[in-house]
Amino acid sequence: MAITAAMVKELRESTGAGMMDAKKALEETSGDMEAAVDWLRTKGLAKAAKKSGRVAAEGLVAVAVQDGKGVAVEVNSETDFVGKNEEFQSMVRAIAEAALDVDSVEELNSAQLNGKPVTEVLTDAIARIGENMTLRRMVATTGETVVSYVHNAAAPNMGKIGVLVALKGDAAKAQEIGKQIAMHIAATSPASLSEADLDPALIEREKSVLTEQARESGKPDAVIEKMIVGRMAKFFEEVTLLGQKFVINPDVTVAQAAKDAGLQVTGYARVAVGEGIEKKEEDFAAEVAKTLRGA
């Protein structure tokens, strides 16, 4: 497979590696971007295995909680300006409230809102506001107590990041520490609640990378095995909510902080606007010229 400059640029931006190292990684992995990231990590040349974060979608995430159920709904628009539109905000809020009575985004699309299915409500809003809009997803969490939090709020209960935390134990204490844990989740974006919930494929991929890194050291197999055990334990601590150091008090984990309050975290959800959607990057001067041409 031909390695293009665009591929090298993408790999450099996502890992912080040098240009020649990025090119070498792509050549060694026949252009497989994910494998190239792992190759760079194995060689100690990648600062972080992360995407650039540029996304095509704008819009809002709205949260709603009722009777032990919390929902987070993402409604996308083309520009950030629409997220500040009161009509758009009102619609997103109503959609989130409707989501409390359904179990999936498919059901939500068909749910009645002011006498119309949500899909029709969106179509009408597109015609009035003049931008394409989509109901991208909804996530639900249930528990004895569910606490919500919105980061970068544009209006009450809606913003760029919506978080739900389910807790078991005293409701008053759950509200207090639940808000703190929700803020922690917004900041750290854990991959799962605990090691048991972590995607096995992610575990195997990390173990494979760490094994190759350890072998690069040239140490005996017995030593390498111990190194991997220790590094995997550190990995689980970094990516699982219950294993992470609590941002409010880094001396304890999130699990321990909840336990000290007589509580147990049983579930969570984190939804950020546009995450996972690639954005087409266009040169600003070309964009202006395109507009002037009426394209």
Protein backbone atom coordinates (compact mmCIF):
# COMPACT_ATOMS: atom_id res chain seq x y z
CA MET A 1 0.00 0.00 0.00
CA ALA A 2 1.31 3.45 -0.94
CA ILE A 3 2.09 5.62 2.10
CA THR A 4 0.78 9.13 1.49
CA ALA A 5 1.76 12.41 3.12
CA ALA A 6 -1.77 12.68 4.51
CA MET A 7 -1.38 9.33 6.28
CA VAL A 8 1.94 10.40 7.79
CA LYS A 9 0.38 13.71 8.92
CA GLU A 10 -2.56 11.92 10.56
CA LEU A 11 -0.27 9.52 12.42
CA ARG A 12 2.01 12.35 13.57
CA GLU A 13 -0.94 14.34 14.92
CA SER A 14 -2.41 11.37 16.77
CA THR A 15 0.86 10.19 18.37
CA GLY A 16 3.26 13.13 18.51
CA ALA A 17 5.88 11.05 16.69
CA GLY A 18 8.42 12.56 14.30
CA MET A 19 7.77 12.59 10.55
CA MET A 20 10.32 9.92 9.65
CA ASP A 21 9.26 7.71 12.55
CA ALA A 22 5.62 8.00 11.47
CA LYS A 23 6.55 7.14 7.87
CA LYS A 24 8.62 4.15 9.04
CA ALA A 25 5.75 2.89 11.22
CA LEU A 26 3.31 3.02 8.32
CA GLU A 27 5.78 1.23 6.04
CA GLU A 28 6.36 -1.49 8.62
CA THR A 29 2.60 -2.05 9.04
CA SER A 30 1.56 -1.74 5.37
CA GLY A 31 -0.39 1.44 6.07
CA ASP A 32 -2.52 0.04 8.90
CA MET A 33 -3.04 3.14 11.07
CA GLU A 34 -3.92 1.30 14.29
CA ALA A 35 -1.02 -1.13 13.90
CA ALA A 36 1.29 1.81 13.16
CA VAL A 37 0.28 3.45 16.46
CA ASP A 38 1.11 0.20 18.28
CA TRP A 39 4.45 -0.05 16.43
CA LEU A 40 5.38 3.46 17.56
CA ARG A 41 4.32 2.72 21.14
CA THR A 42 6.42 -0.46 21.13
CA LYS A 43 9.45 1.59 20.08
CA GLY A 44 8.66 4.26 22.65
CA LEU A 45 8.10 6.84 19.93
CA ALA A 46 4.41 7.64 20.50
CA LYS A 47 3.47 10.21 23.10
CA ALA A 48 -0.13 9.03 23.25
CA ALA A 49 -2.42 6.72 21.29
CA LYS A 50 -5.22 9.16 20.72
CA LYS A 51 -7.12 10.65 17.85
CA SER A 52 -6.82 14.29 16.89
CA GLY A 53 -10.25 15.08 18.33
CA ARG A 54 -11.49 17.12 15.36
CA VAL A 55 -15.10 16.26 14.71
CA ALA A 56 -17.72 17.07 12.13
CA ALA A 57 -20.67 17.36 14.51
CA GLU A 58 -21.64 20.23 16.75
CA GLY A 59 -24.79 20.44 18.88
CA LEU A 60 -25.68 19.54 22.45
CA VAL A 61 -25.90 16.69 24.92
CA ALA A 62 -28.88 16.91 27.27
CA VAL A 63 -29.40 14.88 30.45
CA ALA A 64 -32.58 14.00 32.35
CA VAL A 65 -33.12 11.94 35.51
CA GLN A 66 -36.29 10.49 36.97
CA ASP A 67 -37.07 7.66 39.42
CA GLY A 68 -33.69 5.94 39.31
CA LYS A 69 -33.21 6.30 35.55
CA GLY A 70 -30.94 8.77 33.82
CA VAL A 71 -30.59 9.46 30.11
CA ALA A 72 -28.11 11.42 28.02
CA VAL A 73 -29.17 12.39 24.51
CA GLU A 74 -26.94 13.82 21.77
CA VAL A 75 -28.50 15.97 19.05
CA ASN A 76 -26.09 17.21 16.41
CA SER A 77 -26.11 20.33 14.24
CA GLU A 78 -23.75 21.64 11.60
CA THR A 79 -22.40 24.62 13.56
CA ASP A 80 -21.83 25.57 17.17
CA PHE A 81 -24.09 28.61 16.73
CA VAL A 82 -27.17 26.42 16.66
CA GLY A 83 -26.30 25.08 20.10
CA LYS A 84 -26.89 28.60 21.43
CA ASN A 85 -30.29 28.86 19.75
CA GLU A 86 -33.11 28.83 22.34
CA GLU A 87 -35.46 26.97 19.99
CA PHE A 88 -32.84 24.26 19.44
CA GLN A 89 -32.16 24.03 23.17
CA SER A 90 -35.87 23.72 23.95
CA MET A 91 -36.21 20.91 21.42
CA VAL A 92 -33.18 19.02 22.75
CA ARG A 93 -34.48 19.34 26.32
CA ALA A 94 -37.88 17.94 25.29
CA ILE A 95 -36.23 15.05 23.44
CA ALA A 96 -34.18 14.17 26.53
CA GLU A 97 -37.30 14.14 28.69
CA ALA A 98 -39.05 11.90 26.16
CA ALA A 99 -36.06 9.55 26.31
CA LEU A 100 -36.92 8.69 29.92
CA ASP A 101 -39.85 6.64 28.60
CA VAL A 102 -38.02 4.62 25.95
CA ASP A 103 -35.14 2.15 25.80
CA SER A 104 -33.33 2.95 22.55
CA VAL A 105 -32.66 5.72 20.07
CA GLU A 106 -34.87 3.92 17.56
CA GLU A 107 -37.79 4.08 19.99
CA LEU A 108 -36.94 7.69 20.75
CA ASN A 109 -37.13 8.62 17.06
CA SER A 110 -40.70 7.30 17.01
CA ALA A 111 -41.72 8.77 20.39
CA GLN A 112 -44.41 11.45 20.36
CA LEU A 113 -43.39 15.02 21.06
CA ASN A 114 -46.09 17.68 20.89
CA GLY A 115 -48.23 15.33 18.85
CA LYS A 116 -45.51 14.41 16.35
CA PRO A 117 -42.78 11.74 16.18
CA VAL A 118 -39.38 13.07 17.19
CA THR A 119 -38.15 12.54 13.63
CA GLU A 120 -40.79 14.96 12.33
CA VAL A 121 -39.99 17.47 15.07
CA LEU A 122 -36.37 17.41 13.89
CA THR A 123 -37.42 17.79 10.25
CA ASP A 124 -39.52 20.83 11.11
CA ALA A 125 -36.62 22.36 13.07
CA ILE A 126 -34.27 21.83 10.13
CA ALA A 127 -36.66 23.75 7.88
CA ARG A 128 -36.98 26.64 10.35
CA ILE A 129 -33.40 26.95 11.56
CA GLY A 130 -31.76 26.11 8.25
CA GLU A 131 -29.20 23.53 9.34
CA ASN A 132 -29.10 19.79 9.15
CA MET A 133 -29.73 18.14 12.55
CA THR A 134 -29.61 14.54 13.69
CA LEU A 135 -30.58 12.64 16.81
CA ARG A 136 -27.38 10.67 17.01
CA ARG A 137 -27.73 8.59 20.18
CA MET A 138 -29.13 8.14 23.65
CA VAL A 139 -27.53 6.39 26.60
CA ALA A 140 -29.40 5.28 29.73
CA THR A 141 -28.22 4.39 33.23
CA THR A 142 -30.29 3.00 36.09
CA GLY A 143 -29.65 2.58 39.81
CA GLU A 144 -30.85 3.33 43.33
CA THR A 145 -29.71 6.92 42.79
CA VAL A 146 -28.67 8.44 39.46
CA VAL A 147 -26.81 11.75 39.46
CA SER A 148 -26.24 13.86 36.36
CA TYR A 149 -23.67 16.49 35.46
CA VAL A 150 -23.10 18.65 32.39
CA HIS A 151 -19.71 20.12 31.52
CA ASN A 152 -19.52 23.32 29.47
CA ALA A 153 -23.23 23.93 30.02
CA ALA A 154 -24.99 25.99 27.36
CA ALA A 155 -28.26 25.90 29.34
CA PRO A 156 -29.54 23.95 32.37
CA ASN A 157 -28.90 20.19 31.92
CA MET A 158 -27.31 20.50 28.49
CA GLY A 159 -23.88 21.23 27.12
CA LYS A 160 -20.87 19.65 25.43
CA ILE A 161 -20.39 16.69 27.81
CA GLY A 162 -23.14 14.89 29.72
CA VAL A 163 -22.41 12.43 32.54
CA LEU A 164 -24.62 10.02 34.50
CA VAL A 165 -23.53 8.13 37.62
CA ALA A 166 -25.52 5.37 39.32
CA LEU A 167 -24.86 4.74 43.00
CA LYS A 168 -26.08 2.38 45.71
CA GLY A 169 -26.48 3.63 49.28
CA ASP A 170 -27.76 6.68 51.16
CA ALA A 171 -29.48 8.95 48.62
CA ALA A 172 -28.35 12.25 50.18
CA LYS A 173 -24.70 11.17 50.28
CA ALA A 174 -25.04 9.76 46.77
CA GLN A 175 -26.12 13.14 45.45
CA GLU A 176 -23.11 14.87 46.99
CA ILE A 177 -20.33 12.46 46.03
CA GLY A 178 -22.11 11.48 42.83
CA LYS A 179 -21.69 15.00 41.49
CA GLN A 180 -17.98 14.89 42.30
CA ILE A 181 -17.57 11.50 40.62
CA ALA A 182 -19.49 12.76 37.58
CA MET A 183 -17.09 15.70 37.30
CA HIS A 184 -14.21 13.22 37.58
CA ILE A 185 -15.68 11.16 34.72
CA ALA A 186 -16.11 14.25 32.55
CA ALA A 187 -12.42 15.04 33.04
CA THR A 188 -10.88 11.56 32.74
CA SER A 189 -13.23 9.72 30.33
CA PRO A 190 -12.65 6.21 31.74
CA ALA A 191 -12.93 3.26 29.34
CA SER A 192 -15.07 1.15 31.69
CA LEU A 193 -16.42 0.90 35.23
CA SER A 194 -13.98 -1.82 36.29
CA GLU A 195 -11.47 -4.31 34.90
CA ALA A 196 -14.29 -6.87 34.54
CA ASP A 197 -16.19 -4.52 32.19
CA LEU A 198 -13.22 -3.64 30.00
CA ASP A 199 -13.28 -4.72 26.35
CA PRO A 200 -11.19 -7.94 26.12
CA ALA A 201 -9.83 -6.80 22.75
CA LEU A 202 -8.51 -3.60 24.34
CA ILE A 203 -6.86 -5.63 27.11
CA GLU A 204 -5.18 -7.98 24.64
CA ARG A 205 -3.99 -5.10 22.48
CA GLU A 206 -2.44 -3.31 25.47
CA LYS A 207 -0.86 -6.53 26.73
CA SER A 208 0.63 -7.17 23.29
CA VAL A 209 2.16 -3.69 23.14
CA LEU A 210 3.54 -3.94 26.68
CA THR A 211 4.99 -7.38 25.95
CA GLU A 212 6.86 -6.07 22.90
CA GLN A 213 8.09 -3.08 24.91
CA ALA A 214 9.37 -5.40 27.63
CA ARG A 215 11.14 -7.65 25.12
CA GLU A 216 12.94 -4.62 23.70
CA SER A 217 14.66 -4.37 27.10
CA GLY A 218 16.40 -7.73 26.52
CA LYS A 219 15.58 -8.97 30.01
CA PRO A 220 14.90 -12.67 30.78
CA ASP A 221 11.37 -14.04 30.21
CA ALA A 222 10.73 -14.43 33.95
CA VAL A 223 11.50 -10.77 34.51
CA ILE A 224 9.45 -9.75 31.48
CA GLU A 225 6.39 -11.59 32.85
CA LYS A 226 6.63 -9.67 36.13
CA MET A 227 7.07 -6.41 34.24
CA ILE A 228 3.91 -7.07 32.21
CA VAL A 229 1.87 -7.89 35.33
CA GLY A 230 2.90 -4.62 36.93
CA ARG A 231 2.33 -2.56 33.80
CA MET A 232 -1.11 -4.10 33.18
CA ALA A 233 -2.08 -3.28 36.77
CA LYS A 234 -1.07 0.32 36.09
CA PHE A 235 -3.08 0.27 32.85
CA PHE A 236 -6.23 -0.91 34.66
CA GLU A 237 -5.73 1.80 37.25
CA GLU A 238 -5.56 4.44 34.54
CA VAL A 239 -8.50 3.40 32.35
CA THR A 240 -11.15 2.01 34.74
CA LEU A 241 -13.34 4.39 36.74
CA LEU A 242 -13.14 2.47 40.01
CA GLY A 243 -9.36 2.07 39.71
CA GLN A 244 -8.58 5.70 38.86
CA LYS A 245 -7.19 8.13 41.42
CA PHE A 246 -10.04 10.39 42.49
CA VAL A 247 -9.43 13.90 41.11
CA ILE A 248 -10.92 15.43 44.27
CA ASN A 249 -8.50 13.44 46.46
CA PRO A 250 -5.73 11.65 44.50
CA ASP A 251 -4.71 9.74 47.65
CA VAL A 252 -7.66 7.36 47.12
CA THR A 253 -9.30 5.64 44.16
CA VAL A 254 -12.84 6.43 43.06
CA ALA A 255 -13.95 3.06 44.46
CA GLN A 256 -12.39 3.86 47.85
CA ALA A 257 -13.86 7.36 47.94
CA ALA A 258 -17.34 5.92 47.37
CA LYS A 259 -16.77 3.18 49.96
CA ASP A 260 -15.61 5.74 52.55
CA ALA A 261 -18.96 7.50 52.04
CA GLY A 262 -20.84 4.22 52.47
CA LEU A 263 -21.67 4.05 48.77
CA GLN A 264 -21.03 1.86 45.74
CA VAL A 265 -20.76 3.07 42.15
CA THR A 266 -22.82 0.65 40.04
CA GLY A 267 -22.72 2.30 36.63
CA TYR A 268 -21.98 5.42 34.62
CA ALA A 269 -22.26 6.97 31.17
CA ARG A 270 -20.32 9.77 29.51
CA VAL A 271 -21.46 11.35 26.24
CA ALA A 272 -19.50 14.12 24.51
CA VAL A 273 -20.77 16.03 21.49
CA GLY A 274 -19.39 14.68 18.24
CA GLU A 275 -16.94 12.16 19.72
CA GLY A 276 -15.91 9.53 17.20
CA ILE A 277 -17.07 11.49 14.16
CA GLU A 278 -14.35 12.53 11.77
CA LYS A 279 -14.37 16.12 10.52
CA LYS A 280 -13.38 17.04 7.00
CA GLU A 281 -10.66 19.64 7.29
CA GLU A 282 -10.72 22.42 4.71
CA ASP A 283 -8.29 25.28 4.17
CA PHE A 284 -9.93 28.52 5.36
CA ALA A 285 -8.91 30.49 2.26
CA ALA A 286 -10.30 27.73 0.03
CA GLU A 287 -13.51 27.75 2.05
CA VAL A 288 -13.92 31.52 1.54
CA ALA A 289 -13.22 31.20 -2.18
CA LYS A 290 -15.74 28.38 -2.40
CA THR A 291 -18.36 30.56 -0.70
CA LEU A 292 -17.68 33.51 -3.03
CA ARG A 293 -18.13 31.19 -6.02
CA GLY A 294 -21.52 30.26 -4.65
CA ALA A 295 -20.54 26.60 -4.35
